[in-house]
């Protein structure tokens, strides 16, 4: 059997006297030590339980830190992606607007059919209608990122572009690599 608690000593000293003809005085000294034997491992199990709870608390704290770090990184790259997507969309809209103007002039002189002009205009207005939704997503993402960063005002990200992450691979490589 193992014990987790040290022995607990105690002592007592008593005197007594009796009044009789022989007048006897008695002195008694007693020492006691108690020791709890942990037969069913109750004490050691309780100690282990406390240790495990402490470790669980530390791991839970680390989990929260890792989760917040990952969420912040995810929101950061999501926001950069949305900024870049909006920038590309604006460039594409500018190109399509110029294309519509050129096609309109070509239609006026009879070089192209009316349908070709209208197809390009429809594509332009479809992309134009997607812009407000992307702007809204970007603002929501910026607000979430600022909250994760501990700031309750909207962050201003420096103008950055996402790096090109596709390596120059041969088209004949298997997808497992």
Protein backbone atom coordinates (compact mmCIF):
# COMPACT_ATOMS: atom_id res chain seq x y z
CA UNK A 1 0.00 0.00 0.00
CA UNK A 2 1.21 3.48 -0.73
CA UNK A 3 0.43 6.62 1.18
CA UNK A 4 0.31 10.15 -0.09
CA UNK A 5 0.05 11.94 3.21
CA UNK A 6 2.82 12.17 5.78
CA UNK A 7 2.21 10.89 9.30
CA UNK A 8 0.52 13.32 11.62
CA UNK A 9 2.02 13.18 15.12
CA UNK A 10 0.28 14.24 18.30
CA UNK A 11 1.23 14.10 21.95
CA UNK A 12 -0.38 14.63 25.30
CA UNK A 13 0.83 14.93 28.85
CA UNK A 14 -1.45 14.52 31.81
CA UNK A 15 -0.94 14.60 35.53
CA UNK A 16 -3.24 13.46 38.23
CA UNK A 17 -3.03 13.33 41.94
CA UNK A 18 -5.24 11.72 44.44
CA UNK A 19 -5.62 12.77 48.00
CA UNK A 20 -5.51 9.87 50.18
CA UNK A 21 -3.28 8.76 52.88
CA UNK A 22 -0.62 7.51 50.55
CA UNK A 23 -0.77 10.57 48.32
CA UNK A 24 -0.05 9.11 44.91
CA UNK A 25 0.80 11.28 41.99
CA UNK A 26 0.67 9.80 38.56
CA UNK A 27 2.13 11.17 35.41
CA UNK A 28 1.18 9.97 32.01
CA UNK A 29 2.89 10.81 28.77
CA UNK A 30 1.49 9.54 25.53
CA UNK A 31 2.73 9.98 21.99
CA UNK A 32 0.61 9.14 19.03
CA UNK A 33 1.27 9.16 15.33
CA UNK A 34 -1.50 8.52 12.85
CA UNK A 35 -0.86 7.44 9.34
CA UNK A 36 -3.52 6.91 6.72
CA UNK A 37 -2.82 3.89 4.59
CA UNK A 38 -4.08 4.35 1.05
CA UNK A 39 -5.28 0.82 0.44
CA UNK A 40 -7.65 1.66 -2.42
CA UNK A 41 -5.44 4.42 -3.91
CA UNK A 42 -8.02 7.04 -2.98
CA UNK A 43 -5.51 9.71 -1.98
CA UNK A 44 -3.12 9.16 -4.87
CA UNK A 45 -6.04 9.10 -7.32
CA UNK A 46 -7.30 12.42 -6.00
CA UNK A 47 -3.83 13.92 -6.42
CA UNK A 48 -3.55 12.56 -9.97
CA UNK A 49 -7.00 13.91 -10.75
CA UNK A 50 -5.96 17.41 -9.69
CA UNK A 51 -2.81 17.16 -11.82
CA UNK A 52 -4.80 16.03 -14.86
CA UNK A 53 -7.30 18.86 -14.39
CA UNK A 54 -4.43 21.36 -14.28
CA UNK A 55 -2.95 19.90 -17.48
CA UNK A 56 -6.37 19.97 -19.15
CA UNK A 57 -6.73 23.64 -18.24
CA UNK A 58 -3.33 24.42 -19.74
CA UNK A 59 -4.19 22.48 -22.92
CA UNK A 60 -7.55 24.26 -23.16
CA UNK A 61 -5.76 27.59 -22.90
CA UNK A 62 -3.33 26.55 -25.65
CA UNK A 63 -6.27 25.40 -27.80
CA UNK A 64 -7.93 28.81 -27.46
CA UNK A 65 -4.67 30.56 -28.38
CA UNK A 66 -4.15 28.30 -31.42
CA UNK A 67 -7.76 28.73 -32.54
CA UNK A 68 -7.58 32.53 -32.31
CA UNK A 69 -4.26 32.59 -34.14
CA UNK A 70 -5.59 30.38 -36.93
CA UNK A 71 -8.82 32.37 -37.21
CA UNK A 72 -6.89 35.64 -37.39
CA UNK A 73 -4.58 34.31 -40.10
CA UNK A 74 -7.56 32.95 -42.04
CA UNK A 75 -9.41 36.27 -41.87
CA UNK A 76 -6.26 38.15 -42.86
CA UNK A 77 -5.74 36.10 -46.02
CA UNK A 78 -9.47 36.10 -46.76
CA UNK A 79 -9.46 39.89 -46.57
CA UNK A 80 -6.38 40.15 -48.80
CA UNK A 81 -8.07 37.80 -51.27
CA UNK A 82 -11.22 39.94 -51.35
CA UNK A 83 -9.19 43.14 -51.82
CA UNK A 84 -7.31 41.55 -54.70
CA UNK A 85 -10.51 40.14 -56.22
CA UNK A 86 -12.14 43.58 -56.10
CA UNK A 87 -9.08 45.11 -57.73
CA UNK A 88 -9.15 42.53 -60.54
CA UNK A 89 -12.89 43.02 -60.98
CA UNK A 90 -12.47 46.79 -61.31
CA UNK A 91 -9.74 46.29 -63.92
CA UNK A 92 -11.94 43.85 -65.81
CA UNK A 93 -14.89 46.26 -65.65
CA UNK A 94 -12.70 49.03 -67.06
CA UNK A 95 -11.62 46.76 -69.92
CA UNK A 96 -15.21 45.64 -70.59
CA UNK A 97 -16.44 49.26 -70.53
CA UNK A 98 -13.86 50.16 -73.17
CA UNK A 99 -14.83 47.07 -75.13
CA UNK A 100 -18.52 48.06 -75.01
CA UNK A 101 -17.61 51.53 -76.29
CA UNK A 102 -15.55 50.09 -79.15
CA UNK A 103 -18.26 47.55 -80.02
CA UNK A 104 -20.87 50.31 -79.95
CA UNK A 105 -18.87 52.30 -82.50
CA UNK A 106 -18.37 49.17 -84.62
CA UNK A 107 -22.12 48.45 -84.44
CA UNK A 108 -22.93 51.99 -85.58
CA UNK A 109 -20.89 51.53 -88.75
CA UNK A 110 -22.35 48.06 -89.30
CA UNK A 111 -19.28 45.90 -88.64
CA UNK A 112 -20.83 43.73 -85.92
CA UNK A 113 -24.32 42.49 -85.16
CA UNK A 114 -26.43 44.02 -82.39
CA UNK A 115 -26.37 40.73 -80.44
CA UNK A 116 -22.58 40.86 -80.03
CA UNK A 117 -22.83 44.36 -78.52
CA UNK A 118 -25.62 43.35 -76.14
CA UNK A 119 -23.77 40.18 -74.98
CA UNK A 120 -20.78 42.28 -73.97
CA UNK A 121 -23.02 44.84 -72.24
CA UNK A 122 -24.79 42.05 -70.30
CA UNK A 123 -21.43 40.63 -69.19
CA UNK A 124 -20.34 44.12 -68.08
CA UNK A 125 -23.51 44.73 -66.03
CA UNK A 126 -23.35 41.26 -64.47
CA UNK A 127 -19.84 41.93 -63.22
CA UNK A 128 -20.80 45.42 -62.13
CA UNK A 129 -23.66 44.01 -60.04
CA UNK A 130 -21.23 41.65 -58.24
CA UNK A 131 -19.04 44.52 -57.05
CA UNK A 132 -21.23 45.79 -54.14
CA UNK A 133 -21.51 42.28 -52.67
CA UNK A 134 -17.74 41.85 -52.76
CA UNK A 135 -17.25 45.27 -51.16
CA UNK A 136 -19.68 44.27 -48.40
CA UNK A 137 -17.86 40.95 -47.83
CA UNK A 138 -14.57 42.84 -47.61
CA UNK A 139 -15.93 45.24 -44.99
CA UNK A 140 -17.34 42.36 -42.92
CA UNK A 141 -14.04 40.54 -43.15
CA UNK A 142 -12.12 43.69 -42.13
CA UNK A 143 -14.42 44.18 -39.14
CA UNK A 144 -13.98 40.55 -38.04
CA UNK A 145 -10.23 40.88 -38.43
CA UNK A 146 -10.15 44.09 -36.40
CA UNK A 147 -12.12 42.43 -33.60
CA UNK A 148 -9.76 39.45 -33.60
CA UNK A 149 -6.84 41.88 -33.47
CA UNK A 150 -8.37 43.59 -30.44
CA UNK A 151 -9.35 46.81 -32.18
CA UNK A 152 -12.97 47.82 -32.47
CA UNK A 153 -12.46 50.25 -35.30
CA UNK A 154 -12.04 49.04 -38.85
CA UNK A 155 -8.47 48.18 -39.74
CA UNK A 156 -6.74 49.65 -42.74
CA UNK A 157 -4.62 46.99 -44.43
CA UNK A 158 -1.62 48.09 -46.39
CA UNK A 159 -2.01 47.50 -50.08
CA UNK A 160 -0.61 44.02 -50.52
CA UNK A 161 -1.15 41.35 -53.03
CA UNK A 162 -1.31 37.67 -52.38
CA UNK A 163 1.84 35.91 -53.51
CA UNK A 164 1.76 33.61 -56.48
CA UNK A 165 1.77 30.14 -54.94
CA UNK A 166 1.45 27.92 -57.98
CA UNK A 167 4.84 26.49 -58.84
CA UNK A 168 5.83 25.94 -62.44
CA UNK A 169 4.85 22.27 -62.73
CA UNK A 170 4.80 20.18 -65.82
CA UNK A 171 1.24 19.29 -66.91
CA UNK A 172 2.22 15.62 -67.07
CA UNK A 173 2.99 15.24 -63.34
CA UNK A 174 0.58 13.09 -61.34
CA UNK A 175 -1.67 14.95 -58.92
CA UNK A 176 -0.29 12.96 -55.96
CA UNK A 177 2.91 14.96 -55.94
